[in-house]
Each structure stands twice: as C-alpha cells, then as structure tokens.
Protein backbone atom coordinates (compact mmCIF):
# COMPACT_ATOMS: atom_id res chain seq x y z
CA MET A 1 0.00 0.00 0.00
CA TYR A 2 2.87 2.38 0.67
CA HIS A 3 3.90 2.61 -2.97
CA LEU A 4 0.26 3.21 -3.96
CA ILE A 5 0.01 6.09 -1.49
CA ASP A 6 3.28 7.52 -2.83
CA GLY A 7 1.87 7.35 -6.35
CA PHE A 8 -1.32 9.06 -5.21
CA VAL A 9 0.65 11.90 -3.60
CA ALA A 10 2.62 12.38 -6.84
CA TYR A 11 -0.70 12.43 -8.74
CA LEU A 12 -2.09 15.13 -6.41
CA GLN A 13 1.02 17.23 -6.92
CA ALA A 14 1.49 16.86 -10.68
CA GLU A 15 -2.02 16.49 -12.07
CA ARG A 16 -4.44 17.84 -9.50
CA GLN A 17 -2.22 20.79 -8.54
CA ALA A 18 -3.38 20.31 -4.95
CA SER A 19 -2.07 22.68 -2.29
CA PRO A 20 0.74 21.50 0.01
CA ARG A 21 -1.66 21.65 2.98
CA THR A 22 -4.17 19.37 1.23
CA ILE A 23 -1.47 16.90 0.20
CA THR A 24 -0.05 16.72 3.73
CA ALA A 25 -3.52 16.28 5.27
CA TYR A 26 -4.51 13.54 2.80
CA GLN A 27 -1.21 11.72 3.31
CA GLN A 28 -1.65 11.76 7.08
CA ASP A 29 -5.28 10.62 6.76
CA LEU A 30 -4.31 7.68 4.56
CA PHE A 31 -1.54 6.50 6.86
CA ALA A 32 -3.83 6.77 9.92
CA GLY A 33 -6.54 4.75 8.16
CA LEU A 34 -4.02 2.19 6.93
CA ASP A 35 -2.90 1.58 10.50
CA TYR A 36 -6.50 0.93 11.60
CA PHE A 37 -7.32 -1.37 8.66
CA ALA A 38 -4.15 -3.41 9.14
CA ARG A 39 -4.94 -3.94 12.83
CA ARG A 40 -8.49 -5.05 12.04
CA ARG A 41 -7.20 -7.51 9.44
CA GLY A 42 -4.49 -8.75 11.80
CA LYS A 43 -1.68 -7.76 9.45
CA ALA A 44 1.30 -5.45 9.33
CA ASP A 45 0.74 -2.17 7.47
CA ALA A 46 3.11 -3.18 4.68
CA ALA A 47 1.31 -6.50 4.13
CA LEU A 48 -2.20 -5.07 3.72
CA GLN A 49 -3.63 -5.10 0.18
CA ALA A 50 -6.01 -2.44 -1.16
CA GLY A 51 -8.56 -5.13 -2.04
CA GLU A 52 -8.86 -6.08 1.65
CA ILE A 53 -10.53 -2.75 2.48
CA ASP A 54 -14.27 -3.05 1.96
CA LEU A 55 -17.25 -0.84 2.76
CA LYS A 56 -18.08 -2.64 6.02
CA LEU A 57 -14.53 -2.21 7.29
CA PHE A 58 -14.51 1.44 6.30
CA ARG A 59 -17.82 2.16 8.02
CA GLY A 60 -16.33 0.62 11.15
CA TYR A 61 -13.42 3.02 10.77
CA LEU A 62 -15.76 6.01 10.55
CA ALA A 63 -17.60 4.81 13.66
CA HIS A 64 -14.26 4.46 15.44
CA LEU A 65 -13.35 8.04 14.49
CA GLY A 66 -16.70 9.30 15.75
CA GLN A 67 -16.25 7.51 19.08
CA SER A 68 -12.80 9.08 19.37
CA GLY A 69 -14.46 12.50 19.60
CA LEU A 70 -13.24 13.89 16.28
CA ALA A 71 -15.22 16.72 14.70
CA ARG A 72 -17.52 15.84 11.82
CA SER A 73 -15.50 18.07 9.51
CA THR A 74 -12.33 16.10 10.31
CA ILE A 75 -14.08 12.76 9.72
CA ALA A 76 -15.50 14.09 6.44
CA ARG A 77 -12.01 15.10 5.31
CA LYS A 78 -10.60 11.66 6.13
CA ALA A 79 -13.43 10.00 4.21
CA ALA A 80 -12.80 12.34 1.26
CA ALA A 81 -9.12 11.42 1.27
CA TRP A 82 -9.91 7.71 1.04
CA ARG A 83 -12.61 8.17 -1.62
CA SER A 84 -10.17 10.17 -3.72
CA PHE A 85 -7.46 7.56 -3.15
CA PHE A 86 -9.67 4.71 -4.35
CA ARG A 87 -10.77 6.69 -7.42
CA TYR A 88 -7.06 6.99 -8.21
CA LEU A 89 -6.56 3.23 -7.71
CA VAL A 90 -9.42 2.48 -10.11
CA ARG A 91 -7.87 4.80 -12.67
CA GLU A 92 -4.51 3.05 -12.27
CA ASP A 93 -6.16 -0.42 -12.49
CA ALA A 94 -4.89 -1.24 -9.00
CA VAL A 95 -8.46 -2.23 -8.00
CA ALA A 96 -11.44 -3.13 -10.16
CA ALA A 97 -13.89 -0.82 -8.37
CA SER A 98 -13.94 1.50 -5.40
CA PRO A 99 -15.51 -0.06 -2.30
CA LEU A 100 -16.43 3.45 -1.16
CA ALA A 101 -18.49 4.38 -4.22
CA GLY A 102 -21.74 4.03 -2.25
CA LEU A 103 -20.45 5.76 0.87
CA SER A 104 -22.35 8.88 1.89
CA ALA A 105 -20.27 11.66 3.42
CA PRO A 106 -20.99 12.72 7.01
CA ARG A 107 -23.53 15.53 6.96
CA LEU A 108 -21.94 18.80 8.00
CA LYS A 109 -23.57 21.81 9.52
CA LYS A 110 -22.91 24.74 7.20
CA ARG A 111 -21.15 27.53 9.03
CA LEU A 112 -21.47 31.06 7.79
CA PRO A 113 -18.10 32.75 7.24
CA GLU A 114 -17.26 35.67 9.47
CA VAL A 115 -16.72 38.98 7.72
CA LEU A 116 -15.43 42.46 8.55
CA TYR A 117 -17.18 45.65 7.58
CA PRO A 118 -15.43 47.66 4.81
CA GLU A 119 -14.23 50.27 7.30
CA GLU A 120 -12.74 47.50 9.45
CA VAL A 121 -10.84 46.15 6.43
CA GLY A 122 -9.57 49.69 5.87
CA LYS A 123 -8.23 49.81 9.42
CA LEU A 124 -6.59 46.39 9.00
CA VAL A 125 -4.63 47.35 5.88
CA ASP A 126 -3.51 50.55 7.64
CA VAL A 127 -1.83 48.59 10.45
CA PRO A 128 1.50 47.81 8.67
CA GLY A 129 4.20 50.49 8.95
CA GLU A 130 6.62 52.05 6.47
CA SER A 131 9.45 49.50 6.74
CA PRO A 132 10.17 47.19 3.79
CA ARG A 133 8.17 44.46 5.51
CA GLY A 134 5.41 46.92 6.34
CA LEU A 135 5.12 47.95 2.68
CA ARG A 136 5.04 44.29 1.70
CA ASP A 137 2.40 43.49 4.30
CA ARG A 138 0.13 46.32 3.21
CA ALA A 139 0.46 45.28 -0.45
CA LEU A 140 -0.23 41.68 0.56
CA LEU A 141 -3.39 42.54 2.51
CA GLU A 142 -4.66 44.90 -0.17
CA THR A 143 -4.11 42.25 -2.86
CA LEU A 144 -5.89 39.55 -0.85
CA TYR A 145 -8.90 41.79 -0.37
CA ALA A 146 -8.90 43.38 -3.84
CA GLY A 147 -8.84 40.06 -5.69
CA GLY A 148 -10.39 37.63 -3.20
CA LEU A 149 -7.35 35.38 -3.57
CA ARG A 150 -6.64 32.19 -1.70
CA VAL A 151 -3.36 32.31 0.24
CA SER A 152 -1.85 29.60 -1.96
CA GLU A 153 -2.69 31.72 -5.02
CA LEU A 154 -1.17 34.82 -3.46
CA VAL A 155 2.19 33.30 -2.53
CA GLY A 156 2.39 31.66 -5.96
CA LEU A 157 2.26 35.01 -7.77
CA ASP A 158 5.23 36.06 -9.87
CA LEU A 159 6.14 39.54 -11.05
CA ALA A 160 5.13 38.50 -14.55
CA ASP A 161 1.58 37.84 -13.33
CA LEU A 162 1.08 41.47 -12.32
CA ASP A 163 0.04 44.25 -14.74
CA LEU A 164 -0.35 47.51 -12.85
CA LYS A 165 -1.00 49.52 -16.01
CA GLN A 166 -4.07 47.42 -16.77
CA ALA A 167 -4.75 47.00 -13.02
CA HIS A 168 -5.10 43.23 -13.02
CA VAL A 169 -3.30 40.10 -11.89
CA ARG A 170 -3.21 36.61 -13.41
CA VAL A 171 -3.89 33.87 -10.87
CA LEU A 172 -3.48 30.11 -11.13
CA GLY A 173 -6.16 28.54 -8.93
CA LYS A 174 -7.38 25.09 -7.99
CA GLY A 175 -7.36 22.49 -10.74
CA ASN A 176 -4.76 24.55 -12.61
CA ARG A 177 -7.53 26.98 -13.66
CA GLU A 178 -6.31 30.43 -14.61
CA ARG A 179 -8.29 33.61 -14.05
CA LEU A 180 -7.61 37.31 -14.55
CA LEU A 181 -8.57 39.44 -11.56
CA PRO A 182 -9.00 43.21 -11.49
CA LEU A 183 -7.15 45.23 -8.85
CA GLY A 184 -8.54 48.40 -7.34
CA GLY A 185 -6.72 51.69 -6.90
CA TYR A 186 -5.73 51.03 -3.29
CA ALA A 187 -4.15 47.68 -4.14
CA CYS A 188 -2.31 49.11 -7.16
CA ALA A 189 -0.94 52.01 -5.09
CA ALA A 190 0.23 49.66 -2.32
CA LEU A 191 1.86 47.33 -4.85
CA LYS A 192 3.67 50.20 -6.57
CA ARG A 193 5.16 51.37 -3.28
CA TYR A 194 6.15 47.83 -2.33
CA LEU A 195 7.77 47.16 -5.71
CA GLY A 196 9.59 50.49 -5.70
CA GLU A 197 10.68 50.78 -2.07
CA GLY A 198 10.06 47.56 -0.15
CA ARG A 199 10.82 44.62 -2.39
CA PRO A 200 14.32 45.78 -3.50
CA LYS A 201 15.37 46.04 0.15
CA LEU A 202 13.93 42.63 1.00
CA LEU A 203 15.75 41.16 -2.00
CA GLY A 204 19.02 42.66 -0.76
CA GLY A 205 22.03 41.00 -2.31
CA LYS A 206 20.11 37.93 -3.42
CA LYS A 207 19.94 36.93 -7.04
CA THR A 208 16.84 38.16 -8.81
CA THR A 209 13.77 36.02 -8.19
CA GLY A 210 10.49 36.15 -10.04
CA ALA A 211 8.38 35.84 -6.89
CA LEU A 212 6.15 38.84 -6.19
CA PHE A 213 6.05 38.61 -2.39
CA LEU A 214 9.34 38.01 -0.58
CA ASN A 215 10.26 37.12 2.99
CA HIS A 216 13.01 38.84 5.01
CA ARG A 217 15.62 36.56 3.41
CA GLY A 218 14.73 37.68 -0.10
CA GLU A 219 13.02 34.38 -0.93
CA ARG A 220 9.44 33.63 -1.96
CA LEU A 221 7.05 34.14 0.93
CA THR A 222 5.53 30.83 2.02
CA ASP A 223 1.93 29.98 2.75
CA ARG A 224 2.75 29.90 6.47
CA GLY A 225 4.56 33.23 6.23
CA ALA A 226 1.56 34.92 4.61
CA ARG A 227 -0.74 33.54 7.31
CA LEU A 228 1.53 34.93 10.02
CA VAL A 229 1.49 38.34 8.34
CA PHE A 230 -2.30 38.39 8.48
CA THR A 231 -2.74 37.03 12.00
CA ASN A 232 -0.05 39.32 13.47
CA HIS A 233 -1.69 42.44 12.04
CA LEU A 234 -5.19 41.27 12.97
CA LYS A 235 -4.05 40.83 16.59
CA LEU A 236 -2.86 44.44 16.66
CA LEU A 237 -6.24 45.60 15.41
CA ALA A 238 -8.48 43.14 17.29
CA PRO A 239 -6.59 41.13 19.95
CA ASP A 240 -9.58 38.90 20.75
CA GLN A 241 -10.46 37.95 17.18
CA GLN A 242 -9.10 34.69 15.77
CA ALA A 243 -9.20 34.28 11.99
CA GLY A 244 -6.97 33.41 9.06
CA PRO A 245 -6.34 35.33 5.84
CA HIS A 246 -9.27 33.51 4.21
CA LEU A 247 -11.34 36.08 6.11
CA LEU A 248 -10.42 38.68 3.47
CA ARG A 249 -11.69 36.36 0.74
CA HIS A 250 -15.00 36.16 2.61
CA CYS A 251 -15.05 39.95 2.91
CA PHE A 252 -14.34 40.32 -0.80
CA ALA A 253 -17.32 38.16 -1.79
CA THR A 254 -19.74 39.54 0.78
CA HIS A 255 -18.96 43.20 0.06
CA LEU A 256 -19.37 42.67 -3.69
CA LEU A 257 -22.79 41.06 -3.22
CA GLU A 258 -23.89 43.76 -0.81
CA ALA A 259 -22.94 46.37 -3.41
CA GLY A 260 -25.10 44.69 -6.06
CA ALA A 261 -22.74 42.29 -7.87
CA ASP A 262 -24.46 39.21 -9.30
CA LEU A 263 -23.67 35.76 -7.98
CA ARG A 264 -22.24 34.43 -11.26
CA THR A 265 -19.70 37.25 -11.42
CA VAL A 266 -18.60 36.62 -7.84
CA GLN A 267 -18.31 32.91 -8.64
CA GLU A 268 -15.96 33.66 -11.54
CA LEU A 269 -13.86 36.06 -9.48
CA LEU A 270 -13.51 33.56 -6.64
CA GLY A 271 -12.70 30.70 -9.02
CA HIS A 272 -15.42 28.44 -7.63
CA ALA A 273 -16.20 25.45 -9.83
CA ARG A 274 -19.78 25.24 -8.52
CA LEU A 275 -22.25 28.05 -7.93
CA SER A 276 -23.49 26.33 -4.78
CA THR A 277 -20.12 27.05 -3.15
CA THR A 278 -20.62 30.77 -3.75
CA GLN A 279 -24.24 30.83 -2.59
CA ILE A 280 -23.30 30.77 1.08
CA TYR A 281 -22.39 34.44 0.73
CA THR A 282 -25.96 35.37 -0.19
CA ARG A 283 -27.01 34.19 3.28
CA VAL A 284 -24.19 36.19 4.87
CA SER A 285 -25.25 39.28 2.93
CA ALA A 286 -28.91 38.89 3.91
CA ASP A 287 -27.99 38.46 7.59
CA ARG A 288 -25.80 41.57 7.47
CA LEU A 289 -28.52 43.61 5.80
CA GLN A 290 -30.93 42.63 8.58
CA GLU A 291 -28.36 43.61 11.19
CA VAL A 292 -27.81 47.01 9.56
CA TYR A 293 -31.58 47.51 9.31
CA ARG A 294 -32.12 46.72 12.98
CA ARG A 295 -29.37 49.13 14.01
CA ALA A 296 -30.24 51.95 11.63
CA HIS A 297 -34.02 52.00 11.22
CA PRO A 298 -35.93 54.00 13.88
CA ARG A 299 -38.43 51.15 14.28
CA GLY A 300 -36.13 48.29 13.37
CA ARG A 301 -35.45 47.13 16.93
CA SER A 302 -37.72 44.86 18.91
CA ARG A 303 -40.58 46.64 20.61
CA ARG A 304 -40.18 46.91 24.37
CA GLY A 305 -43.22 46.32 26.52
C-alpha cells in the first residue's frame, strides 16, 4: 500500500495541482486509516492489500473516528481522502472498483463565514508600517482583499503575473484553472510602493527572483509566512479575534454582493467550480442587511413592553 500512497501523492502534486496543505492532510489521513485497517485484518501495514478494504470495514473506521471524539468536519475530510485515493486506484487499475463508491459523506452543519465591515478592512490594511516588511504586508493585505485570492494563489504570484497599467493580476487557482482578476486603486498604489521601495530592500544581495512577495531573506514568501502576516496584524487591530487570511476572501465576496454584484460574477472572481459554493455568501449578505436595518431604522429594533 505504501507505494500506492506515494503514487497518489505524486498524482495530487502533478495532475491535480493540490495545495501542500491538502497533500499533507490527505497523506496523514491515509496512513492513519491504513494503520486501523491493518490492525483489524491482523496484518502489518506493509502486508495489507487495497482489495482487503471493503465498505463494512470502512464504516467501522468512521464509527471508530466518531467515538474518538473527532469533529464531523475532520471525519468528512478523512473520508474524502480515502474516496479520492480509491478513485485513483481504479484509474490506475490497481483495484477493479472503489468499495467506497456508495459511501455517503458525514452531513456537516454549514457555518457562515465571518466577515469584517469595509471600514474594518480599511483599518486592518492601515496597520503595517513604512518599513520594507510593512510595505510588503500592506500590499499583501490589499491584494488579498482586492482580488479575493486564496493564500496559496497569493504566494504563488510572480512579477510577470502582475500588470499595474491594466490593473489586473493573473492567478493560477485550484485544478490549474487560470483567471484574470481586477485590482482596485488602493491595491495598485500599495503594490507600486512595495515594488519600488520595499521589495528591492527585501531582495538585498540575493539573485533576482520572479516571486512577487518576498520574505526577510529575499526568498518567496511561504503559505505559512503569509498567514503569520495576516494574524499578526489582525491581533494588533483586534486582539480577541481569531481568523486566518481567508477572512479577506469572505469579505471580498460579501462586500461585492452587498454592493449589487451578481452571484455568477462573484463565482468567476472567486474561481469556484460550482455556484453552490458561492451561494453561502448570499445568506451572509442577507444576515448583514438585517443587522444594519435593525441598528439603523428607527423602528427596526424589537418593541419593548
């Protein structure tokens, strides 16, 4: 099984263009499941064959995970990893059919994404200072919000992807799908300052690199580095709030819908393959409109007896 998992990981990297976080999570999920299946079959991990995993055994595994107190979202991810793995094995003729084809995923409660108000986003992007890193951080935050980018898309940007004259950026998203995203005036201004004053100093004596966003060593900023940039600045603005940079992607979508953008346009900008993924933001927008109404309308609050 080990060589099959290695092949699957290579497939995720080369053909599916999966993010490093997804690949690591799937790999860990597969090894954890393999350990359970081998124990149940009374074999060593290395001796277990893919054909020995059937639907009954896998349902027992899901029950075991539930009894262990894992969140439904974690169990759903582990199930997704194994379903994807068996689809790969079928494709490679390693098994005749997937034993998990009839498996229904654990039902998840849909959580609405948290969002900031536009003025709060404005305060967040004003937090970074005037140092080279501060100029980079402001450009990074403005770009995340202006284009609704995923963090993996942001750190993968090269200088060649950016066109400040036309005010857009070319992004390579999930499934190797490319999209052209407009950039607003604030993002363009922040990027110009970063490219002119911040990036050359971060690059220092290093050889020229094509990466747009650099770390303090003059190398491409990593996914983890970009997340730290966001969380560190968010803590300065709101010490009690815990959120990742995906929050700005939620803000991007919600603010566009609140301003009258249609759902299909927002879907294209976000790079969602399915419209249903984007529709969650219509609920967020409706909830926010009700909140604003209750706060602003003279008779919008509950009547007091």
